[in-house]
Each structure stands twice: as structure tokens, then as C-alpha cells.
Amino acid sequence: MPLFEWPEQKRYEEVRPLVHFDVSVAERAGELGLSQRALYRRLGGFEAEGIESLFASETARKRKLPSAVRRLIVDLKAEHSPFNLNEIANVA
């Protein structure tokens, strides 16, 4: 049984076989003990919104960094690839 730190990871693993491995919704719903309708809803949300659909609360969905900050983080990671995410976050 996988150990997930976040509920979003669990929700991703529920739809991942449907998206990447051509598993039927009926088969996956049976494996998970979910209704097919619930799984179709999750899959539809994932196809429409991507990863953001996995976040349950609106607060979690709205927590986005401005694009300039995201670009800075990507640039810093490219420039200082040995840095971990905590070190990147602490760059002043």
C-alpha cells in the first residue's frame, strides 16, 4: 500500500492509470472501490484543469506565485542545480 504525504498525491494516483495506461474506468473504479460516476468526474476535472483539479479547496487552488516569481525560481534552479528547494526558497 503506497504511503502518501498529501491527499493530492492519492487523487493523482487514482486517475493516473486512466490517463497514461488506457485502463478502463469500470476496472479502475472496481480496484479503488469508487463509483464509476465519481471516477469519471475526477478524470473530467483532471483533463479540464490538470493538476489543479486535484486540490480540494479553493484556497489551495488559488495559492499561486506570480509568473515573475515562478520564472525566477526556475532560473535559480537552472543556475544553481545542486541547490534543493529549501535553499532556492531562502535565496534573498
N, C-alpha and C. Protein backbone atom coordinates (compact mmCIF):
# COMPACT_ATOMS: atom_id res chain seq x y z
N MET A 1 0.85 -1.18 0.00
CA MET A 1 0.00 0.00 0.00
C MET A 1 0.89 1.24 0.00
N PRO A 2 0.69 2.14 -0.96
CA PRO A 2 1.54 3.32 -1.03
C PRO A 2 1.30 4.26 0.15
N LEU A 3 2.36 4.93 0.52
CA LEU A 3 2.28 5.93 1.59
C LEU A 3 2.32 7.31 0.94
N PHE A 4 1.25 8.06 1.08
CA PHE A 4 1.17 9.39 0.50
C PHE A 4 1.24 10.41 1.61
N GLU A 5 1.97 11.48 1.37
CA GLU A 5 2.04 12.56 2.33
C GLU A 5 0.88 13.53 2.17
N TRP A 6 0.35 13.64 0.96
CA TRP A 6 -0.70 14.61 0.69
C TRP A 6 -1.88 13.93 -0.01
N PRO A 7 -3.09 14.40 0.26
CA PRO A 7 -4.27 13.82 -0.40
C PRO A 7 -4.24 14.03 -1.92
N GLU A 8 -3.57 15.08 -2.37
CA GLU A 8 -3.48 15.34 -3.80
C GLU A 8 -2.72 14.21 -4.51
N GLN A 9 -1.71 13.64 -3.83
CA GLN A 9 -0.97 12.52 -4.41
C GLN A 9 -1.90 11.32 -4.61
N LYS A 10 -2.73 11.06 -3.62
CA LYS A 10 -3.67 9.93 -3.70
C LYS A 10 -4.64 10.14 -4.85
N ARG A 11 -5.18 11.36 -4.97
CA ARG A 11 -6.12 11.64 -6.04
C ARG A 11 -5.46 11.51 -7.42
N TYR A 12 -4.19 11.90 -7.52
CA TYR A 12 -3.48 11.74 -8.79
C TYR A 12 -3.32 10.26 -9.13
N GLU A 13 -2.93 9.46 -8.15
CA GLU A 13 -2.75 8.03 -8.39
C GLU A 13 -4.05 7.34 -8.77
N GLU A 14 -5.18 7.88 -8.36
CA GLU A 14 -6.46 7.31 -8.74
C GLU A 14 -6.73 7.48 -10.24
N VAL A 15 -6.35 8.61 -10.81
CA VAL A 15 -6.63 8.86 -12.22
C VAL A 15 -5.46 8.56 -13.15
N ARG A 16 -4.27 8.42 -12.61
CA ARG A 16 -3.08 8.21 -13.45
C ARG A 16 -3.20 7.03 -14.41
N PRO A 17 -3.65 5.84 -13.95
CA PRO A 17 -3.77 4.73 -14.90
C PRO A 17 -4.77 5.00 -16.03
N LEU A 18 -5.76 5.81 -15.75
CA LEU A 18 -6.75 6.15 -16.78
C LEU A 18 -6.16 7.07 -17.85
N VAL A 19 -5.28 7.94 -17.41
CA VAL A 19 -4.70 8.94 -18.31
C VAL A 19 -3.54 8.35 -19.11
N HIS A 20 -2.71 7.56 -18.45
CA HIS A 20 -1.46 7.12 -19.09
C HIS A 20 -1.46 5.67 -19.60
N PHE A 21 -2.31 4.81 -19.06
CA PHE A 21 -2.18 3.40 -19.37
C PHE A 21 -3.42 2.76 -19.98
N ASP A 22 -4.37 3.53 -20.44
CA ASP A 22 -5.55 3.02 -21.13
C ASP A 22 -6.31 1.98 -20.31
N VAL A 23 -6.41 2.20 -19.01
CA VAL A 23 -7.20 1.34 -18.13
C VAL A 23 -8.64 1.83 -18.19
N SER A 24 -9.59 0.91 -18.18
CA SER A 24 -10.99 1.32 -18.26
C SER A 24 -11.45 1.90 -16.93
N VAL A 25 -12.40 2.81 -17.01
CA VAL A 25 -12.95 3.44 -15.81
C VAL A 25 -13.62 2.39 -14.93
N ALA A 26 -14.34 1.46 -15.54
CA ALA A 26 -15.02 0.42 -14.76
C ALA A 26 -14.01 -0.43 -13.98
N GLU A 27 -12.93 -0.79 -14.63
CA GLU A 27 -11.89 -1.61 -13.98
C GLU A 27 -11.25 -0.83 -12.82
N ARG A 28 -10.90 0.41 -13.08
CA ARG A 28 -10.22 1.22 -12.05
C ARG A 28 -11.17 1.52 -10.89
N ALA A 29 -12.42 1.79 -11.18
CA ALA A 29 -13.39 2.05 -10.12
C ALA A 29 -13.52 0.84 -9.22
N GLY A 30 -13.53 -0.36 -9.81
CA GLY A 30 -13.58 -1.58 -9.01
C GLY A 30 -12.36 -1.75 -8.13
N GLU A 31 -11.18 -1.42 -8.66
CA GLU A 31 -9.94 -1.52 -7.89
C GLU A 31 -9.96 -0.58 -6.69
N LEU A 32 -10.52 0.60 -6.90
CA LEU A 32 -10.49 1.63 -5.86
C LEU A 32 -11.69 1.58 -4.92
N GLY A 33 -12.73 0.88 -5.33
CA GLY A 33 -13.95 0.87 -4.53
C GLY A 33 -14.74 2.16 -4.65
N LEU A 34 -14.63 2.80 -5.81
CA LEU A 34 -15.35 4.04 -6.09
C LEU A 34 -16.42 3.76 -7.14
N SER A 35 -17.40 4.63 -7.22
CA SER A 35 -18.38 4.50 -8.30
C SER A 35 -17.73 5.00 -9.59
N GLN A 36 -18.21 4.46 -10.69
CA GLN A 36 -17.70 4.90 -11.99
C GLN A 36 -17.98 6.38 -12.20
N ARG A 37 -19.14 6.83 -11.74
CA ARG A 37 -19.51 8.23 -11.90
C ARG A 37 -18.51 9.15 -11.19
N ALA A 38 -18.13 8.78 -9.96
CA ALA A 38 -17.16 9.59 -9.21
C ALA A 38 -15.83 9.63 -9.95
N LEU A 39 -15.43 8.49 -10.48
CA LEU A 39 -14.15 8.44 -11.18
C LEU A 39 -14.20 9.22 -12.49
N TYR A 40 -15.33 9.17 -13.20
CA TYR A 40 -15.48 9.97 -14.41
C TYR A 40 -15.39 11.47 -14.09
N ARG A 41 -15.97 11.87 -12.95
CA ARG A 41 -15.91 13.28 -12.53
C ARG A 41 -14.46 13.69 -12.26
N ARG A 42 -13.74 12.84 -11.56
CA ARG A 42 -12.33 13.16 -11.26
C ARG A 42 -11.49 13.21 -12.53
N LEU A 43 -11.73 12.26 -13.41
CA LEU A 43 -11.00 12.23 -14.68
C LEU A 43 -11.33 13.46 -15.52
N GLY A 44 -12.61 13.83 -15.58
CA GLY A 44 -13.01 15.01 -16.34
C GLY A 44 -12.38 16.27 -15.79
N GLY A 45 -12.33 16.38 -14.46
CA GLY A 45 -11.69 17.54 -13.84
C GLY A 45 -10.21 17.58 -14.16
N PHE A 46 -9.57 16.42 -14.12
CA PHE A 46 -8.14 16.36 -14.42
C PHE A 46 -7.86 16.73 -15.87
N GLU A 47 -8.69 16.24 -16.78
CA GLU A 47 -8.49 16.57 -18.20
C GLU A 47 -8.75 18.04 -18.48
N ALA A 48 -9.69 18.64 -17.75
CA ALA A 48 -10.03 20.05 -17.98
C ALA A 48 -9.06 21.01 -17.29
N GLU A 49 -8.68 20.70 -16.05
CA GLU A 49 -7.89 21.64 -15.26
C GLU A 49 -6.47 21.17 -14.97
N GLY A 50 -6.17 19.92 -15.27
CA GLY A 50 -4.84 19.41 -14.98
C GLY A 50 -4.64 19.18 -13.49
N ILE A 51 -3.43 19.34 -13.05
CA ILE A 51 -3.04 19.09 -11.66
C ILE A 51 -3.88 19.91 -10.68
N GLU A 52 -4.27 21.10 -11.06
CA GLU A 52 -5.04 21.96 -10.15
C GLU A 52 -6.35 21.31 -9.72
N SER A 53 -6.90 20.42 -10.53
CA SER A 53 -8.15 19.77 -10.16
C SER A 53 -7.99 18.84 -8.96
N LEU A 54 -6.77 18.47 -8.63
CA LEU A 54 -6.52 17.54 -7.53
C LEU A 54 -6.58 18.23 -6.17
N PHE A 55 -6.51 19.54 -6.17
CA PHE A 55 -6.56 20.28 -4.92
C PHE A 55 -8.00 20.52 -4.53
N ALA A 56 -8.36 20.08 -3.33
CA ALA A 56 -9.76 20.07 -2.91
C ALA A 56 -10.32 21.46 -2.63
N SER A 57 -9.57 22.30 -1.96
CA SER A 57 -10.13 23.58 -1.53
C SER A 57 -9.80 24.70 -2.52
N GLU A 58 -10.66 25.67 -2.57
CA GLU A 58 -10.41 26.84 -3.41
C GLU A 58 -9.17 27.59 -2.94
N THR A 59 -8.96 27.61 -1.62
CA THR A 59 -7.78 28.28 -1.08
C THR A 59 -6.51 27.64 -1.64
N ALA A 60 -6.47 26.33 -1.66
CA ALA A 60 -5.30 25.63 -2.19
C ALA A 60 -5.13 25.90 -3.68
N ARG A 61 -6.24 25.97 -4.39
CA ARG A 61 -6.17 26.22 -5.83
C ARG A 61 -5.69 27.63 -6.14
N LYS A 62 -6.02 28.58 -5.29
CA LYS A 62 -5.67 29.97 -5.55
C LYS A 62 -4.26 30.34 -5.11
N ARG A 63 -3.60 29.46 -4.38
CA ARG A 63 -2.25 29.77 -3.93
C ARG A 63 -1.27 29.60 -5.08
N LYS A 64 -1.10 30.64 -5.84
CA LYS A 64 -0.18 30.61 -6.97
C LYS A 64 0.81 31.74 -6.82
N LEU A 65 2.00 31.46 -7.21
CA LEU A 65 3.00 32.51 -7.22
C LEU A 65 2.85 33.32 -8.50
N PRO A 66 3.16 34.59 -8.44
CA PRO A 66 3.15 35.39 -9.67
C PRO A 66 4.12 34.79 -10.69
N SER A 67 3.83 34.97 -11.95
CA SER A 67 4.65 34.35 -13.00
C SER A 67 6.11 34.81 -12.93
N ALA A 68 6.35 36.07 -12.53
CA ALA A 68 7.73 36.56 -12.42
C ALA A 68 8.49 35.80 -11.33
N VAL A 69 7.82 35.48 -10.24
CA VAL A 69 8.46 34.73 -9.16
C VAL A 69 8.72 33.29 -9.59
N ARG A 70 7.74 32.70 -10.27
CA ARG A 70 7.94 31.33 -10.77
C ARG A 70 9.11 31.28 -11.74
N ARG A 71 9.21 32.27 -12.61
CA ARG A 71 10.31 32.32 -13.58
C ARG A 71 11.65 32.46 -12.85
N LEU A 72 11.69 33.28 -11.80
CA LEU A 72 12.91 33.46 -11.01
C LEU A 72 13.34 32.14 -10.37
N ILE A 73 12.39 31.39 -9.85
CA ILE A 73 12.69 30.11 -9.23
C ILE A 73 13.27 29.14 -10.25
N VAL A 74 12.66 29.08 -11.43
CA VAL A 74 13.17 28.20 -12.48
C VAL A 74 14.58 28.61 -12.89
N ASP A 75 14.81 29.91 -13.04
CA ASP A 75 16.13 30.41 -13.41
C ASP A 75 17.16 30.09 -12.35
N LEU A 76 16.79 30.28 -11.08
CA LEU A 76 17.72 29.97 -9.99
C LEU A 76 18.06 28.48 -9.96
N LYS A 77 17.08 27.64 -10.16
CA LYS A 77 17.32 26.20 -10.17
C LYS A 77 18.22 25.82 -11.33
N ALA A 78 18.04 26.46 -12.48
CA ALA A 78 18.90 26.18 -13.63
C ALA A 78 20.33 26.63 -13.38
N GLU A 79 20.45 27.79 -12.75
CA GLU A 79 21.78 28.35 -12.48
C GLU A 79 22.50 27.62 -11.35
N HIS A 80 21.74 27.17 -10.35
CA HIS A 80 22.31 26.52 -9.17
C HIS A 80 21.65 25.15 -8.99
N SER A 81 21.87 24.26 -9.93
CA SER A 81 21.18 22.97 -9.92
C SER A 81 21.43 22.12 -8.68
N PRO A 82 22.59 22.22 -8.01
CA PRO A 82 22.76 21.41 -6.79
C PRO A 82 21.87 21.87 -5.63
N PHE A 83 21.34 23.09 -5.69
CA PHE A 83 20.51 23.59 -4.60
C PHE A 83 19.22 22.77 -4.51
N ASN A 84 18.80 22.48 -3.28
CA ASN A 84 17.49 21.85 -3.11
C ASN A 84 16.43 22.96 -3.02
N LEU A 85 15.16 22.57 -2.93
CA LEU A 85 14.10 23.57 -2.97
C LEU A 85 14.14 24.51 -1.76
N ASN A 86 14.54 24.00 -0.62
CA ASN A 86 14.65 24.86 0.58
C ASN A 86 15.72 25.92 0.37
N GLU A 87 16.85 25.53 -0.22
CA GLU A 87 17.91 26.50 -0.47
C GLU A 87 17.47 27.54 -1.50
N ILE A 88 16.76 27.11 -2.51
CA ILE A 88 16.23 28.06 -3.50
C ILE A 88 15.27 29.03 -2.84
N ALA A 89 14.41 28.52 -1.95
CA ALA A 89 13.43 29.37 -1.28
C ALA A 89 14.08 30.41 -0.37
N ASN A 90 15.27 30.12 0.13
CA ASN A 90 15.94 31.03 1.05
C ASN A 90 16.91 31.99 0.38
N VAL A 91 16.99 31.95 -0.94
CA VAL A 91 17.84 32.90 -1.65
C VAL A 91 17.21 34.27 -1.53
N ALA A 92 17.99 35.25 -1.10
CA ALA A 92 17.44 36.60 -0.90
C ALA A 92 17.65 37.47 -2.11
